[in-house]
N, C-alpha and C. Protein backbone atom coordinates (compact mmCIF):
# COMPACT_ATOMS: atom_id res chain seq x y z
N MET A 1 -38.95 0.00 -5.10
CA MET A 1 -38.89 1.08 -6.07
C MET A 1 -38.12 2.27 -5.51
N ALA A 2 -38.28 2.52 -4.21
CA ALA A 2 -37.58 3.65 -3.60
C ALA A 2 -36.08 3.47 -3.65
N LYS A 3 -35.61 2.22 -3.44
CA LYS A 3 -34.17 1.96 -3.51
C LYS A 3 -33.63 2.20 -4.92
N ILE A 4 -34.40 1.84 -5.93
CA ILE A 4 -33.98 2.09 -7.30
C ILE A 4 -33.91 3.58 -7.56
N ASP A 5 -34.91 4.32 -7.12
CA ASP A 5 -34.90 5.77 -7.29
C ASP A 5 -33.70 6.39 -6.59
N ASP A 6 -33.42 5.93 -5.37
CA ASP A 6 -32.26 6.45 -4.64
C ASP A 6 -30.97 6.15 -5.39
N SER A 7 -30.86 4.97 -5.94
CA SER A 7 -29.64 4.59 -6.66
C SER A 7 -29.43 5.47 -7.88
N VAL A 8 -30.50 5.79 -8.59
CA VAL A 8 -30.38 6.65 -9.76
C VAL A 8 -29.96 8.04 -9.32
N LYS A 9 -30.55 8.56 -8.25
CA LYS A 9 -30.19 9.89 -7.76
C LYS A 9 -28.74 9.92 -7.30
N LEU A 10 -28.25 8.83 -6.75
CA LEU A 10 -26.89 8.80 -6.24
C LEU A 10 -25.84 8.93 -7.33
N THR A 11 -26.20 8.61 -8.54
CA THR A 11 -25.22 8.69 -9.62
C THR A 11 -25.29 10.00 -10.39
N SER A 12 -26.10 10.94 -9.93
CA SER A 12 -26.22 12.21 -10.64
C SER A 12 -25.37 13.28 -9.95
N PHE A 13 -24.25 13.57 -10.56
CA PHE A 13 -23.32 14.59 -10.07
C PHE A 13 -23.01 15.55 -11.20
N LYS A 14 -22.61 16.78 -10.82
CA LYS A 14 -22.10 17.71 -11.82
C LYS A 14 -20.70 17.25 -12.24
N GLY A 15 -20.00 16.63 -11.30
CA GLY A 15 -18.66 16.11 -11.57
C GLY A 15 -18.73 14.73 -12.18
N ASN A 16 -17.61 14.09 -12.21
CA ASN A 16 -17.47 12.78 -12.86
C ASN A 16 -17.57 11.68 -11.80
N LEU A 17 -18.24 10.59 -12.13
CA LEU A 17 -18.40 9.48 -11.19
C LEU A 17 -17.05 8.87 -10.82
N TYR A 18 -16.09 8.94 -11.73
CA TYR A 18 -14.73 8.48 -11.45
C TYR A 18 -14.13 9.28 -10.29
N ASP A 19 -14.37 10.58 -10.27
CA ASP A 19 -13.89 11.43 -9.18
C ASP A 19 -14.59 11.08 -7.88
N VAL A 20 -15.86 10.73 -7.95
CA VAL A 20 -16.61 10.30 -6.76
C VAL A 20 -15.97 9.05 -6.17
N MET A 21 -15.63 8.10 -7.02
CA MET A 21 -15.00 6.87 -6.53
C MET A 21 -13.67 7.16 -5.86
N LYS A 22 -12.89 8.07 -6.44
CA LYS A 22 -11.60 8.43 -5.86
C LYS A 22 -11.78 9.13 -4.51
N LEU A 23 -12.80 9.97 -4.38
CA LEU A 23 -13.07 10.64 -3.11
C LEU A 23 -13.48 9.63 -2.04
N ILE A 24 -14.27 8.65 -2.41
CA ILE A 24 -14.68 7.61 -1.46
C ILE A 24 -13.48 6.80 -1.01
N LEU A 25 -12.60 6.45 -1.93
CA LEU A 25 -11.37 5.74 -1.55
C LEU A 25 -10.53 6.58 -0.59
N ALA A 26 -10.44 7.88 -0.84
CA ALA A 26 -9.67 8.76 0.04
C ALA A 26 -10.27 8.78 1.44
N LYS A 27 -11.60 8.75 1.54
CA LYS A 27 -12.25 8.72 2.86
C LYS A 27 -11.94 7.43 3.60
N ARG A 28 -11.53 6.39 2.87
CA ARG A 28 -11.17 5.10 3.47
C ARG A 28 -9.67 4.97 3.69
N GLY A 29 -8.93 6.06 3.43
CA GLY A 29 -7.50 6.06 3.68
C GLY A 29 -6.63 5.67 2.50
N VAL A 30 -7.22 5.55 1.32
CA VAL A 30 -6.46 5.19 0.12
C VAL A 30 -6.35 6.44 -0.74
N SER A 31 -5.19 7.06 -0.72
CA SER A 31 -5.00 8.30 -1.46
C SER A 31 -4.62 7.99 -2.91
N VAL A 32 -5.54 8.23 -3.81
CA VAL A 32 -5.31 7.97 -5.23
C VAL A 32 -5.48 9.23 -6.07
N GLY A 33 -5.50 10.38 -5.41
CA GLY A 33 -5.63 11.64 -6.14
C GLY A 33 -7.06 11.89 -6.59
N ARG A 34 -7.18 12.79 -7.55
CA ARG A 34 -8.48 13.15 -8.11
C ARG A 34 -8.51 12.81 -9.59
N ALA A 35 -9.69 12.88 -10.18
CA ALA A 35 -9.81 12.67 -11.62
C ALA A 35 -9.01 13.75 -12.33
N ARG A 36 -8.35 13.38 -13.40
CA ARG A 36 -7.52 14.33 -14.15
C ARG A 36 -8.35 15.05 -15.19
N ASN A 37 -7.90 16.23 -15.55
CA ASN A 37 -8.53 16.99 -16.63
C ASN A 37 -8.43 16.17 -17.91
N PRO A 38 -9.41 16.20 -18.74
CA PRO A 38 -10.54 17.10 -18.82
C PRO A 38 -11.78 16.63 -18.05
N LEU A 39 -11.66 15.56 -17.26
CA LEU A 39 -12.82 15.09 -16.50
C LEU A 39 -13.15 16.11 -15.41
N PRO A 40 -14.44 16.45 -15.26
CA PRO A 40 -14.81 17.43 -14.24
C PRO A 40 -14.74 16.84 -12.84
N HIS A 41 -14.35 17.68 -11.89
CA HIS A 41 -14.31 17.27 -10.49
C HIS A 41 -15.67 17.46 -9.84
N VAL A 42 -15.89 16.72 -8.77
CA VAL A 42 -17.09 16.92 -7.96
C VAL A 42 -16.95 18.29 -7.30
N GLU A 43 -18.02 19.05 -7.31
CA GLU A 43 -17.98 20.39 -6.74
C GLU A 43 -18.16 20.35 -5.23
N ASP A 44 -17.71 21.39 -4.55
CA ASP A 44 -17.76 21.45 -3.09
C ASP A 44 -19.17 21.26 -2.54
N ASP A 45 -20.17 21.78 -3.25
CA ASP A 45 -21.54 21.66 -2.75
C ASP A 45 -22.10 20.24 -2.89
N GLU A 46 -21.35 19.34 -3.51
CA GLU A 46 -21.79 17.95 -3.68
C GLU A 46 -21.10 16.99 -2.72
N MET A 47 -20.23 17.49 -1.85
CA MET A 47 -19.47 16.61 -0.96
C MET A 47 -20.39 15.84 0.00
N ASP A 48 -21.49 16.45 0.44
CA ASP A 48 -22.45 15.72 1.29
C ASP A 48 -23.05 14.56 0.51
N HIS A 49 -23.28 14.76 -0.76
CA HIS A 49 -23.82 13.73 -1.64
C HIS A 49 -22.84 12.56 -1.75
N VAL A 50 -21.54 12.87 -1.81
CA VAL A 50 -20.51 11.82 -1.85
C VAL A 50 -20.57 10.98 -0.58
N GLU A 51 -20.78 11.63 0.56
CA GLU A 51 -20.87 10.91 1.83
C GLU A 51 -22.08 9.98 1.84
N VAL A 52 -23.18 10.39 1.27
CA VAL A 52 -24.37 9.54 1.18
C VAL A 52 -24.07 8.30 0.31
N VAL A 53 -23.38 8.51 -0.80
CA VAL A 53 -23.00 7.39 -1.66
C VAL A 53 -22.10 6.43 -0.90
N ARG A 54 -21.11 6.96 -0.17
CA ARG A 54 -20.21 6.12 0.63
C ARG A 54 -20.99 5.29 1.63
N GLN A 55 -21.98 5.91 2.28
CA GLN A 55 -22.79 5.19 3.27
C GLN A 55 -23.61 4.08 2.61
N HIS A 56 -24.15 4.34 1.44
CA HIS A 56 -24.90 3.31 0.72
C HIS A 56 -24.00 2.14 0.34
N ILE A 57 -22.78 2.44 -0.06
CA ILE A 57 -21.83 1.37 -0.39
C ILE A 57 -21.52 0.55 0.86
N ASP A 58 -21.27 1.23 1.98
CA ASP A 58 -21.00 0.52 3.23
C ASP A 58 -22.17 -0.36 3.64
N ASP A 59 -23.39 0.16 3.48
CA ASP A 59 -24.59 -0.63 3.82
C ASP A 59 -24.69 -1.87 2.93
N ALA A 60 -24.40 -1.70 1.64
CA ALA A 60 -24.47 -2.84 0.71
C ALA A 60 -23.43 -3.89 1.06
N ILE A 61 -22.23 -3.44 1.42
CA ILE A 61 -21.17 -4.38 1.82
C ILE A 61 -21.58 -5.14 3.08
N ALA A 62 -22.15 -4.42 4.04
CA ALA A 62 -22.58 -5.07 5.29
C ALA A 62 -23.68 -6.09 5.02
N GLU A 63 -24.62 -5.75 4.16
CA GLU A 63 -25.70 -6.68 3.82
C GLU A 63 -25.16 -7.92 3.12
N PHE A 64 -24.26 -7.72 2.17
CA PHE A 64 -23.66 -8.84 1.45
C PHE A 64 -22.87 -9.73 2.41
N THR A 65 -22.09 -9.11 3.28
CA THR A 65 -21.27 -9.86 4.23
C THR A 65 -22.16 -10.67 5.17
N LYS A 66 -23.25 -10.06 5.61
CA LYS A 66 -24.18 -10.76 6.50
C LYS A 66 -24.71 -12.03 5.83
N TRP A 67 -25.12 -11.91 4.56
CA TRP A 67 -25.66 -13.06 3.86
C TRP A 67 -24.60 -14.11 3.56
N GLN A 68 -23.37 -13.68 3.35
CA GLN A 68 -22.29 -14.65 3.13
C GLN A 68 -22.06 -15.47 4.40
N ILE A 69 -22.13 -14.82 5.56
CA ILE A 69 -21.97 -15.54 6.83
C ILE A 69 -23.12 -16.52 7.03
N VAL A 70 -24.35 -16.12 6.73
CA VAL A 70 -25.51 -17.00 6.86
C VAL A 70 -25.33 -18.21 5.93
N LYS A 71 -24.94 -17.98 4.70
CA LYS A 71 -24.73 -19.09 3.76
C LYS A 71 -23.65 -20.04 4.26
N PHE A 72 -22.59 -19.50 4.85
CA PHE A 72 -21.52 -20.33 5.38
C PHE A 72 -22.02 -21.19 6.54
N LYS A 73 -22.79 -20.58 7.44
CA LYS A 73 -23.29 -21.31 8.59
C LYS A 73 -24.28 -22.40 8.19
N LEU A 74 -25.05 -22.13 7.15
CA LEU A 74 -26.02 -23.11 6.66
C LEU A 74 -25.39 -24.12 5.69
N ASN A 75 -24.12 -23.87 5.35
CA ASN A 75 -23.40 -24.73 4.43
C ASN A 75 -24.11 -24.83 3.08
N ILE A 76 -24.49 -23.68 2.57
CA ILE A 76 -25.19 -23.62 1.26
C ILE A 76 -24.16 -23.48 0.16
């Protein structure tokens, strides 16, 4: 239940979730700009929140990758 609550909180921004995705891509070295007007941008006070979302995505990727390797080794 805590993970579900965290996931819901992670999607609550004053800005647009599209802008959040673009900021996360930029942190990974993919410069795709920002969300265009009239979509609101993520505000400066929410940048720490963007980093938390990025970390959750990285954790999910690592967990998925780990299970894919286990499935491969077990030949499932």
